[in-house]
């Protein structure tokens, strides 16, 4: 059943990062890490179960990384949009002042 989680998470690699759930992938990552560790604590050690849990962690961590990178790119874009907005506002005010001068004269 856990291999299904790995395959479902891997199938999300083709989805855009904006449509992924951070909490869901963070939960996958933490679950994979916790259960991988637990597979080495119990006796007898279950290497096959540790492998699938390690892959659950890898898939979750990859998706969390994609979501984080997407969110960081949005923050950079917001700053750029604000700067462009201020420049456009200044240009608009200057154009309005020129138009008022033309109308008065």
C-alpha atoms as a PDB file:
ATOM      1  CA  UNK A   1       0.000   0.000   0.000  1.00  0.00           C
ATOM      2  CA  UNK A   2       2.845   2.393   0.738  1.00  0.00           C
ATOM      3  CA  UNK A   3       4.190   1.944  -2.783  1.00  0.00           C
ATOM      4  CA  UNK A   4       0.909   3.517  -3.905  1.00  0.00           C
ATOM      5  CA  UNK A   5       1.783   6.597  -1.842  1.00  0.00           C
ATOM      6  CA  UNK A   6       5.171   6.756  -3.531  1.00  0.00           C
ATOM      7  CA  UNK A   7       3.617   6.437  -6.998  1.00  0.00           C
ATOM      8  CA  UNK A   8       0.906   9.009  -6.219  1.00  0.00           C
ATOM      9  CA  UNK A   9       3.500  11.462  -4.945  1.00  0.00           C
ATOM     10  CA  UNK A  10       5.750  10.851  -7.935  1.00  0.00           C
ATOM     11  CA  UNK A  11       2.843  11.391 -10.335  1.00  0.00           C
ATOM     12  CA  UNK A  12       2.504  14.887  -8.855  1.00  0.00           C
ATOM     13  CA  UNK A  13       5.924  15.796 -10.285  1.00  0.00           C
ATOM     14  CA  UNK A  14       4.159  16.733 -13.507  1.00  0.00           C
ATOM     15  CA  UNK A  15       1.691  19.041 -11.743  1.00  0.00           C
ATOM     16  CA  UNK A  16       2.547  22.737 -11.395  1.00  0.00           C
ATOM     17  CA  UNK A  17       3.864  23.707  -7.976  1.00  0.00           C
ATOM     18  CA  UNK A  18       1.043  26.207  -7.453  1.00  0.00           C
ATOM     19  CA  UNK A  19      -1.513  23.386  -7.316  1.00  0.00           C
ATOM     20  CA  UNK A  20       0.374  21.274  -4.743  1.00  0.00           C
ATOM     21  CA  UNK A  21      -0.510  21.215  -1.054  1.00  0.00           C
ATOM     22  CA  UNK A  22       2.333  22.185   1.254  1.00  0.00           C
ATOM     23  CA  UNK A  23       0.741  20.586   4.313  1.00  0.00           C
ATOM     24  CA  UNK A  24       0.047  17.307   2.521  1.00  0.00           C
ATOM     25  CA  UNK A  25       3.588  17.011   1.188  1.00  0.00           C
ATOM     26  CA  UNK A  26       5.093  18.099   4.500  1.00  0.00           C
ATOM     27  CA  UNK A  27       3.069  15.332   6.165  1.00  0.00           C
ATOM     28  CA  UNK A  28       4.369  12.822   3.601  1.00  0.00           C
ATOM     29  CA  UNK A  29       7.919  13.959   4.245  1.00  0.00           C
ATOM     30  CA  UNK A  30       7.609  13.704   8.035  1.00  0.00           C
ATOM     31  CA  UNK A  31       5.798  10.361   7.869  1.00  0.00           C
ATOM     32  CA  UNK A  32       8.499   8.950   5.636  1.00  0.00           C
ATOM     33  CA  UNK A  33      11.262  10.155   7.938  1.00  0.00           C
ATOM     34  CA  UNK A  34       9.632   8.903  11.131  1.00  0.00           C
ATOM     35  CA  UNK A  35       8.743   5.466   9.770  1.00  0.00           C
ATOM     36  CA  UNK A  36      12.120   5.012   8.089  1.00  0.00           C
ATOM     37  CA  UNK A  37      13.767   5.548  11.455  1.00  0.00           C
ATOM     38  CA  UNK A  38      11.278   3.231  13.135  1.00  0.00           C
ATOM     39  CA  UNK A  39      12.050   0.440  10.641  1.00  0.00           C
ATOM     40  CA  UNK A  40      15.632   0.401  11.925  1.00  0.00           C
ATOM     41  CA  UNK A  41      14.623   0.519  15.593  1.00  0.00           C
ATOM     42  CA  UNK A  42      12.289  -2.479  15.593  1.00  0.00           C
ATOM     43  CA  UNK A  43      13.592  -6.035  15.707  1.00  0.00           C
ATOM     44  CA  UNK A  44      13.952  -7.633  13.219  1.00  0.00           C
ATOM     45  CA  UNK A  45      14.967  -4.709  11.041  1.00  0.00           C
ATOM     46  CA  UNK A  46      12.663  -4.378   8.060  1.00  0.00           C
ATOM     47  CA  UNK A  47      14.808  -3.078   5.197  1.00  0.00           C
ATOM     48  CA  UNK A  48      12.059  -3.349   2.554  1.00  0.00           C
ATOM     49  CA  UNK A  49       9.680  -1.229   4.637  1.00  0.00           C
ATOM     50  CA  UNK A  50      12.512   1.229   5.370  1.00  0.00           C
ATOM     51  CA  UNK A  51      13.144   1.575   1.630  1.00  0.00           C
ATOM     52  CA  UNK A  52       9.547   2.432   0.784  1.00  0.00           C
ATOM     53  CA  UNK A  53       9.353   4.884   3.693  1.00  0.00           C
ATOM     54  CA  UNK A  54      12.613   6.499   2.586  1.00  0.00           C
ATOM     55  CA  UNK A  55      11.092   6.989  -0.869  1.00  0.00           C
ATOM     56  CA  UNK A  56       7.960   8.501   0.701  1.00  0.00           C
ATOM     57  CA  UNK A  57      10.295  10.961   2.445  1.00  0.00           C
ATOM     58  CA  UNK A  58      12.171  11.718  -0.795  1.00  0.00           C
ATOM     59  CA  UNK A  59       8.964  12.333  -2.744  1.00  0.00           C
ATOM     60  CA  UNK A  60       7.568  14.586   0.001  1.00  0.00           C
ATOM     61  CA  UNK A  61      10.828  16.501   0.358  1.00  0.00           C
ATOM     62  CA  UNK A  62      11.066  17.024  -3.401  1.00  0.00           C
ATOM     63  CA  UNK A  63       7.549  18.420  -3.551  1.00  0.00           C
ATOM     64  CA  UNK A  64       8.106  20.642  -0.500  1.00  0.00           C
ATOM     65  CA  UNK A  65      11.241  21.964  -2.206  1.00  0.00           C
ATOM     66  CA  UNK A  66       9.278  22.720  -5.379  1.00  0.00           C
ATOM     67  CA  UNK A  67       6.552  24.507  -3.410  1.00  0.00           C
ATOM     68  CA  UNK A  68       9.126  26.521  -1.446  1.00  0.00           C
ATOM     69  CA  UNK A  69      10.950  27.566  -4.635  1.00  0.00           C
ATOM     70  CA  UNK A  70       7.636  28.588  -6.227  1.00  0.00           C
ATOM     71  CA  UNK A  71       6.661  30.671  -3.184  1.00  0.00           C
ATOM     72  CA  UNK A  72      10.072  32.367  -3.178  1.00  0.00           C
ATOM     73  CA  UNK A  73       9.713  33.226  -6.857  1.00  0.00           C
ATOM     74  CA  UNK A  74       6.334  34.819  -6.097  1.00  0.00           C
ATOM     75  CA  UNK A  75       7.897  37.011  -3.405  1.00  0.00           C
ATOM     76  CA  UNK A  76      10.511  38.232  -5.878  1.00  0.00           C
ATOM     77  CA  UNK A  77       7.835  38.932  -8.457  1.00  0.00           C
ATOM     78  CA  UNK A  78       5.713  40.916  -5.968  1.00  0.00           C
ATOM     79  CA  UNK A  79       8.605  43.281  -5.268  1.00  0.00           C
ATOM     80  CA  UNK A  80       9.209  43.751  -8.970  1.00  0.00           C
ATOM     81  CA  UNK A  81       5.523  44.466  -9.608  1.00  0.00           C
ATOM     82  CA  UNK A  82       5.444  47.052  -6.813  1.00  0.00           C
ATOM     83  CA  UNK A  83       8.488  48.852  -8.258  1.00  0.00           C
ATOM     84  CA  UNK A  84       6.961  48.870 -11.739  1.00  0.00           C
ATOM     85  CA  UNK A  85       3.679  50.131 -10.288  1.00  0.00           C
ATOM     86  CA  UNK A  86       5.429  53.058  -8.618  1.00  0.00           C
ATOM     87  CA  UNK A  87       7.217  53.942 -11.850  1.00  0.00           C
ATOM     88  CA  UNK A  88       3.954  53.820 -13.786  1.00  0.00           C
ATOM     89  CA  UNK A  89       2.281  55.984 -11.157  1.00  0.00           C
ATOM     90  CA  UNK A  90       5.015  58.618 -11.496  1.00  0.00           C
ATOM     91  CA  UNK A  91       4.719  58.527 -15.288  1.00  0.00           C
ATOM     92  CA  UNK A  92       0.945  58.878 -15.049  1.00  0.00           C
ATOM     93  CA  UNK A  93       1.233  61.881 -12.726  1.00  0.00           C
ATOM     94  CA  UNK A  94       3.763  63.532 -15.040  1.00  0.00           C
ATOM     95  CA  UNK A  95       1.500  62.930 -18.044  1.00  0.00           C
ATOM     96  CA  UNK A  96      -1.488  64.338 -16.161  1.00  0.00           C
ATOM     97  CA  UNK A  97       0.480  67.455 -15.244  1.00  0.00           C
ATOM     98  CA  UNK A  98       1.521  67.945 -18.876  1.00  0.00           C
ATOM     99  CA  UNK A  99      -2.086  67.551 -19.987  1.00  0.00           C
ATOM    100  CA  UNK A 100      -3.228  70.157 -17.432  1.00  0.00           C
ATOM    101  CA  UNK A 101      -0.585  72.598 -18.675  1.00  0.00           C
ATOM    102  CA  UNK A 102      -1.727  72.097 -22.277  1.00  0.00           C
ATOM    103  CA  UNK A 103      -5.366  72.621 -21.313  1.00  0.00           C
ATOM    104  CA  UNK A 104      -4.564  75.812 -19.334  1.00  0.00           C
ATOM    105  CA  UNK A 105      -2.553  77.297 -22.194  1.00  0.00           C
END
